[in-house]
Amino acid sequence: MNRNIEIKARIASVEALLPLAASVADEGPTLIQQDDSFFACAQGRLKLRQFADGRGELIFYQRADSAGPKTSFYQRSPTESPDSLREVLTLAHGVVGRVQKQRTLFIAGRTRIHLDRVAGLGDFLELEVVLAPEESEADGVAEAHALMAKLGVVPGQLMQGAYLDLLAGR
């Protein structure tokens, strides 16, 4: 499976962080509407992500629900039929939740910087440092910490769990 090092942090506002993210990025901003349906899954998480243009991708991932940089193992499979795939997965596994967000994506080297406005929750920053197969997790953690410092993210802003968990806990 693919691996990355991730952090999620609560931020005051997407607009406030836009200039800082742009200053460290090589690419972006790209605006993306995402509608994620989560399905019952015995280990890890299984979600179907649908984009505004009608495309989608099925994503399976496993990661700890701790605050701070953590390793995420993931696999993605694109689909041109997300609506029918959602119906099949709902029948087979049941939907456990849905997360809708507007994402502003920047790329800084190999790191995806997500500025997310999540319906019902507010604004967040996610960093995903993509690791090469032979690379140590420590390299990705160091890169995540360096970007956090450049973006002004402090440990008290770091979040545990997924957006789905936060929505369920409201």
C-alpha atoms as a PDB file:
ATOM      1  CA  MET A   1       0.000   0.000   0.000  1.00  0.00           C
ATOM      2  CA  ASN A   2       0.961   3.638  -0.376  1.00  0.00           C
ATOM      3  CA  ARG A   3       2.095   5.571   2.722  1.00  0.00           C
ATOM      4  CA  ASN A   4       2.154   9.139   3.848  1.00  0.00           C
ATOM      5  CA  ILE A   5       2.646  11.083   7.059  1.00  0.00           C
ATOM      6  CA  GLU A   6      -0.431  13.118   7.979  1.00  0.00           C
ATOM      7  CA  ILE A   7      -1.412  15.844  10.367  1.00  0.00           C
ATOM      8  CA  LYS A   8      -4.778  17.516  10.839  1.00  0.00           C
ATOM      9  CA  ALA A   9      -5.104  20.850  12.651  1.00  0.00           C
ATOM     10  CA  ARG A  10      -7.964  23.182  13.449  1.00  0.00           C
ATOM     11  CA  ILE A  11      -7.353  26.644  11.968  1.00  0.00           C
ATOM     12  CA  ALA A  12      -9.032  30.015  12.477  1.00  0.00           C
ATOM     13  CA  SER A  13      -9.968  30.293   8.815  1.00  0.00           C
ATOM     14  CA  VAL A  14      -8.985  29.039   5.389  1.00  0.00           C
ATOM     15  CA  GLU A  15      -8.644  32.649   4.198  1.00  0.00           C
ATOM     16  CA  ALA A  16      -6.134  33.488   6.942  1.00  0.00           C
ATOM     17  CA  LEU A  17      -3.864  30.577   5.979  1.00  0.00           C
ATOM     18  CA  LEU A  18      -4.102  30.988   2.180  1.00  0.00           C
ATOM     19  CA  PRO A  19      -1.169  33.445   1.873  1.00  0.00           C
ATOM     20  CA  LEU A  20       1.126  31.298   4.031  1.00  0.00           C
ATOM     21  CA  ALA A  21       0.246  28.111   2.145  1.00  0.00           C
ATOM     22  CA  ALA A  22       0.813  29.889  -1.191  1.00  0.00           C
ATOM     23  CA  SER A  23       4.218  31.141   0.004  1.00  0.00           C
ATOM     24  CA  VAL A  24       5.537  27.602   0.673  1.00  0.00           C
ATOM     25  CA  ALA A  25       3.809  25.870  -2.269  1.00  0.00           C
ATOM     26  CA  ASP A  26       5.115  24.982  -5.713  1.00  0.00           C
ATOM     27  CA  GLU A  27       1.596  24.486  -7.111  1.00  0.00           C
ATOM     28  CA  GLY A  28      -1.887  25.696  -6.330  1.00  0.00           C
ATOM     29  CA  PRO A  29      -4.330  26.741  -5.247  1.00  0.00           C
ATOM     30  CA  THR A  30      -6.773  24.231  -6.714  1.00  0.00           C
ATOM     31  CA  LEU A  31     -10.364  24.303  -5.420  1.00  0.00           C
ATOM     32  CA  ILE A  32     -12.019  20.883  -5.037  1.00  0.00           C
ATOM     33  CA  GLN A  33     -15.540  20.024  -3.859  1.00  0.00           C
ATOM     34  CA  GLN A  34     -15.576  16.627  -2.111  1.00  0.00           C
ATOM     35  CA  ASP A  35     -18.470  14.510  -0.905  1.00  0.00           C
ATOM     36  CA  ASP A  36     -17.210  11.490   1.074  1.00  0.00           C
ATOM     37  CA  SER A  37     -19.472   8.577   2.025  1.00  0.00           C
ATOM     38  CA  PHE A  38     -18.005   6.248   4.657  1.00  0.00           C
ATOM     39  CA  PHE A  39     -18.947   2.577   4.845  1.00  0.00           C
ATOM     40  CA  ALA A  40     -18.735   0.006   7.621  1.00  0.00           C
ATOM     41  CA  CYS A  41     -15.287  -1.577   7.529  1.00  0.00           C
ATOM     42  CA  ALA A  42     -13.811  -4.107   9.972  1.00  0.00           C
ATOM     43  CA  GLN A  43     -10.314  -2.622   9.857  1.00  0.00           C
ATOM     44  CA  GLY A  44      -9.412   0.874   8.759  1.00  0.00           C
ATOM     45  CA  ARG A  45     -11.796   3.123   6.870  1.00  0.00           C
ATOM     46  CA  LEU A  46     -13.506   2.790   3.512  1.00  0.00           C
ATOM     47  CA  LYS A  47     -14.850   5.872   1.766  1.00  0.00           C
ATOM     48  CA  LEU A  48     -16.195   6.781  -1.621  1.00  0.00           C
ATOM     49  CA  ARG A  49     -15.199  10.288  -2.642  1.00  0.00           C
ATOM     50  CA  GLN A  50     -17.287  12.049  -5.262  1.00  0.00           C
ATOM     51  CA  PHE A  51     -16.101  15.185  -7.032  1.00  0.00           C
ATOM     52  CA  ALA A  52     -18.234  17.975  -8.507  1.00  0.00           C
ATOM     53  CA  ASP A  53     -17.488  16.793 -12.070  1.00  0.00           C
ATOM     54  CA  GLY A  54     -19.101  13.392 -11.390  1.00  0.00           C
ATOM     55  CA  ARG A  55     -15.892  11.374 -11.049  1.00  0.00           C
ATOM     56  CA  GLY A  56     -15.063   9.516  -7.895  1.00  0.00           C
ATOM     57  CA  GLU A  57     -12.573   7.307  -6.128  1.00  0.00           C
ATOM     58  CA  LEU A  58     -12.880   4.527  -3.605  1.00  0.00           C
ATOM     59  CA  ILE A  59     -10.295   4.939  -0.851  1.00  0.00           C
ATOM     60  CA  PHE A  60      -9.285   2.476   1.843  1.00  0.00           C
ATOM     61  CA  TYR A  61      -6.957   3.714   4.570  1.00  0.00           C
ATOM     62  CA  GLN A  62      -5.558   2.769   7.948  1.00  0.00           C
ATOM     63  CA  ARG A  63      -4.007   5.204  10.424  1.00  0.00           C
ATOM     64  CA  ALA A  64      -3.873   5.860  14.128  1.00  0.00           C
ATOM     65  CA  ASP A  65      -6.419   8.319  15.511  1.00  0.00           C
ATOM     66  CA  SER A  66      -3.748  10.196  17.488  1.00  0.00           C
ATOM     67  CA  ALA A  67      -2.864  13.889  17.290  1.00  0.00           C
ATOM     68  CA  GLY A  68       0.402  14.838  15.620  1.00  0.00           C
ATOM     69  CA  PRO A  69       2.160  13.343  12.607  1.00  0.00           C
ATOM     70  CA  LYS A  70       1.083   9.756  11.957  1.00  0.00           C
ATOM     71  CA  THR A  71       1.551   7.189   9.222  1.00  0.00           C
ATOM     72  CA  SER A  72      -1.370   6.501   6.929  1.00  0.00           C
ATOM     73  CA  PHE A  73      -1.487   3.451   4.656  1.00  0.00           C
ATOM     74  CA  TYR A  74      -3.893   3.901   1.763  1.00  0.00           C
ATOM     75  CA  GLN A  75      -5.090   2.543  -1.563  1.00  0.00           C
ATOM     76  CA  ARG A  76      -7.219   4.446  -4.094  1.00  0.00           C
ATOM     77  CA  SER A  77      -9.281   3.198  -7.026  1.00  0.00           C
ATOM     78  CA  PRO A  78     -10.839   5.678  -9.476  1.00  0.00           C
ATOM     79  CA  THR A  79     -14.421   5.267 -10.676  1.00  0.00           C
ATOM     80  CA  GLU A  80     -16.498   6.947 -13.357  1.00  0.00           C
ATOM     81  CA  SER A  81     -19.698   5.669 -11.663  1.00  0.00           C
ATOM     82  CA  PRO A  82     -19.614   6.853  -8.044  1.00  0.00           C
ATOM     83  CA  ASP A  83     -23.421   6.963  -7.679  1.00  0.00           C
ATOM     84  CA  SER A  84     -23.928   3.308  -8.588  1.00  0.00           C
ATOM     85  CA  LEU A  85     -20.852   2.254  -6.591  1.00  0.00           C
ATOM     86  CA  ARG A  86     -22.272   4.097  -3.535  1.00  0.00           C
ATOM     87  CA  GLU A  87     -25.532   2.142  -3.920  1.00  0.00           C
ATOM     88  CA  VAL A  88     -23.682  -1.188  -4.064  1.00  0.00           C
ATOM     89  CA  LEU A  89     -21.453  -0.359  -1.085  1.00  0.00           C
ATOM     90  CA  THR A  90     -24.430   0.895   0.918  1.00  0.00           C
ATOM     91  CA  LEU A  91     -26.297  -2.369   0.305  1.00  0.00           C
ATOM     92  CA  ALA A  92     -23.238  -4.475   1.119  1.00  0.00           C
ATOM     93  CA  HIS A  93     -21.756  -2.588   4.074  1.00  0.00           C
ATOM     94  CA  GLY A  94     -24.059   0.236   5.180  1.00  0.00           C
ATOM     95  CA  VAL A  95     -23.173   3.929   5.307  1.00  0.00           C
ATOM     96  CA  VAL A  96     -21.741   5.095   8.632  1.00  0.00           C
ATOM     97  CA  GLY A  97     -21.455   8.769   7.733  1.00  0.00           C
ATOM     98  CA  ARG A  98     -20.889  11.461   5.197  1.00  0.00           C
ATOM     99  CA  VAL A  99     -18.429  14.366   5.064  1.00  0.00           C
ATOM    100  CA  GLN A 100     -18.805  17.264   2.652  1.00  0.00           C
ATOM    101  CA  LYS A 101     -16.025  19.782   2.232  1.00  0.00           C
ATOM    102  CA  GLN A 102     -14.503  22.418   0.048  1.00  0.00           C
ATOM    103  CA  ARG A 103     -10.779  21.766  -0.227  1.00  0.00           C
ATOM    104  CA  THR A 104      -8.114  24.190  -1.363  1.00  0.00           C
ATOM    105  CA  LEU A 105      -5.130  22.123  -2.465  1.00  0.00           C
ATOM    106  CA  PHE A 106      -1.523  23.278  -2.615  1.00  0.00           C
ATOM    107  CA  ILE A 107       1.507  21.125  -3.409  1.00  0.00           C
ATOM    108  CA  ALA A 108       4.835  21.824  -1.667  1.00  0.00           C
ATOM    109  CA  GLY A 109       7.395  19.386  -3.031  1.00  0.00           C
ATOM    110  CA  ARG A 110       5.919  15.975  -2.247  1.00  0.00           C
ATOM    111  CA  THR A 111       3.504  17.295   0.391  1.00  0.00           C
ATOM    112  CA  ARG A 112      -0.162  17.941  -0.236  1.00  0.00           C
ATOM    113  CA  ILE A 113      -1.412  20.922   1.766  1.00  0.00           C
ATOM    114  CA  HIS A 114      -5.193  20.854   2.222  1.00  0.00           C
ATOM    115  CA  LEU A 115      -7.107  23.840   3.524  1.00  0.00           C
ATOM    116  CA  ASP A 116     -10.511  22.330   4.244  1.00  0.00           C
ATOM    117  CA  ARG A 117     -13.846  23.953   5.001  1.00  0.00           C
ATOM    118  CA  VAL A 118     -15.886  21.052   6.363  1.00  0.00           C
ATOM    119  CA  ALA A 119     -19.680  21.375   6.471  1.00  0.00           C
ATOM    120  CA  GLY A 120     -20.821  21.410  10.091  1.00  0.00           C
ATOM    121  CA  LEU A 121     -17.291  21.546  11.551  1.00  0.00           C
ATOM    122  CA  GLY A 122     -15.351  24.574  10.345  1.00  0.00           C
ATOM    123  CA  ASP A 123     -11.870  25.079   8.915  1.00  0.00           C
ATOM    124  CA  PHE A 124      -8.884  22.741   9.047  1.00  0.00           C
ATOM    125  CA  LEU A 125      -5.407  22.199   7.685  1.00  0.00           C
ATOM    126  CA  GLU A 126      -4.204  18.774   6.598  1.00  0.00           C
ATOM    127  CA  LEU A 127      -0.677  17.929   5.532  1.00  0.00           C
ATOM    128  CA  GLU A 128       0.087  14.701   3.683  1.00  0.00           C
ATOM    129  CA  VAL A 129       3.789  14.010   3.175  1.00  0.00           C
ATOM    130  CA  VAL A 130       3.975  11.251   0.539  1.00  0.00           C
ATOM    131  CA  LEU A 131       6.656   8.663   1.341  1.00  0.00           C
ATOM    132  CA  ALA A 132       8.684   6.653  -1.160  1.00  0.00           C
ATOM    133  CA  PRO A 133       8.524   2.858  -0.587  1.00  0.00           C
ATOM    134  CA  GLU A 134      12.040   2.681   0.886  1.00  0.00           C
ATOM    135  CA  GLU A 135      11.793   5.890   2.892  1.00  0.00           C
ATOM    136  CA  SER A 136      11.612   6.032   6.677  1.00  0.00           C
ATOM    137  CA  GLU A 137       8.628   7.506   8.474  1.00  0.00           C
ATOM    138  CA  ALA A 138      11.028   9.746  10.413  1.00  0.00           C
ATOM    139  CA  ASP A 139      11.848  11.643   7.198  1.00  0.00           C
ATOM    140  CA  GLY A 140       8.179  12.381   6.609  1.00  0.00           C
ATOM    141  CA  VAL A 141       7.584  13.384  10.237  1.00  0.00           C
ATOM    142  CA  ALA A 142      10.507  15.839  10.055  1.00  0.00           C
ATOM    143  CA  GLU A 143       9.080  17.341   6.871  1.00  0.00           C
ATOM    144  CA  ALA A 144       5.616  17.642   8.435  1.00  0.00           C
ATOM    145  CA  HIS A 145       7.080  19.420  11.486  1.00  0.00           C
ATOM    146  CA  ALA A 146       9.030  21.841   9.257  1.00  0.00           C
ATOM    147  CA  LEU A 147       5.901  22.721   7.269  1.00  0.00           C
ATOM    148  CA  MET A 148       3.841  23.095  10.440  1.00  0.00           C
ATOM    149  CA  ALA A 149       6.393  25.652  11.678  1.00  0.00           C
ATOM    150  CA  LYS A 150       6.310  27.572   8.381  1.00  0.00           C
ATOM    151  CA  LEU A 151       2.500  27.625   8.488  1.00  0.00           C
ATOM    152  CA  GLY A 152       2.366  28.695  12.139  1.00  0.00           C
ATOM    153  CA  VAL A 153       0.652  25.519  13.360  1.00  0.00           C
ATOM    154  CA  VAL A 154       1.253  24.777  17.034  1.00  0.00           C
ATOM    155  CA  PRO A 155       0.750  21.403  18.795  1.00  0.00           C
ATOM    156  CA  GLY A 156      -2.430  22.593  20.542  1.00  0.00           C
ATOM    157  CA  GLN A 157      -4.164  22.890  17.160  1.00  0.00           C
ATOM    158  CA  LEU A 158      -3.554  19.242  16.200  1.00  0.00           C
ATOM    159  CA  MET A 159      -6.613  17.018  15.968  1.00  0.00           C
ATOM    160  CA  GLN A 160      -7.216  13.334  16.605  1.00  0.00           C
ATOM    161  CA  GLY A 161      -9.348  11.140  14.386  1.00  0.00           C
ATOM    162  CA  ALA A 162     -11.089  11.867  11.119  1.00  0.00           C
ATOM    163  CA  TYR A 163     -13.658  14.488  10.169  1.00  0.00           C
ATOM    164  CA  LEU A 164     -16.219  11.696  10.372  1.00  0.00           C
ATOM    165  CA  ASP A 165     -15.374  11.192  14.064  1.00  0.00           C
ATOM    166  CA  LEU A 166     -15.651  14.896  14.772  1.00  0.00           C
ATOM    167  CA  LEU A 167     -19.063  15.065  13.101  1.00  0.00           C
ATOM    168  CA  ALA A 168     -20.255  12.026  15.072  1.00  0.00           C
ATOM    169  CA  GLY A 169     -19.083  13.626  18.334  1.00  0.00           C
ATOM    170  CA  ARG A 170     -20.926  16.919  17.843  1.00  0.00           C
END
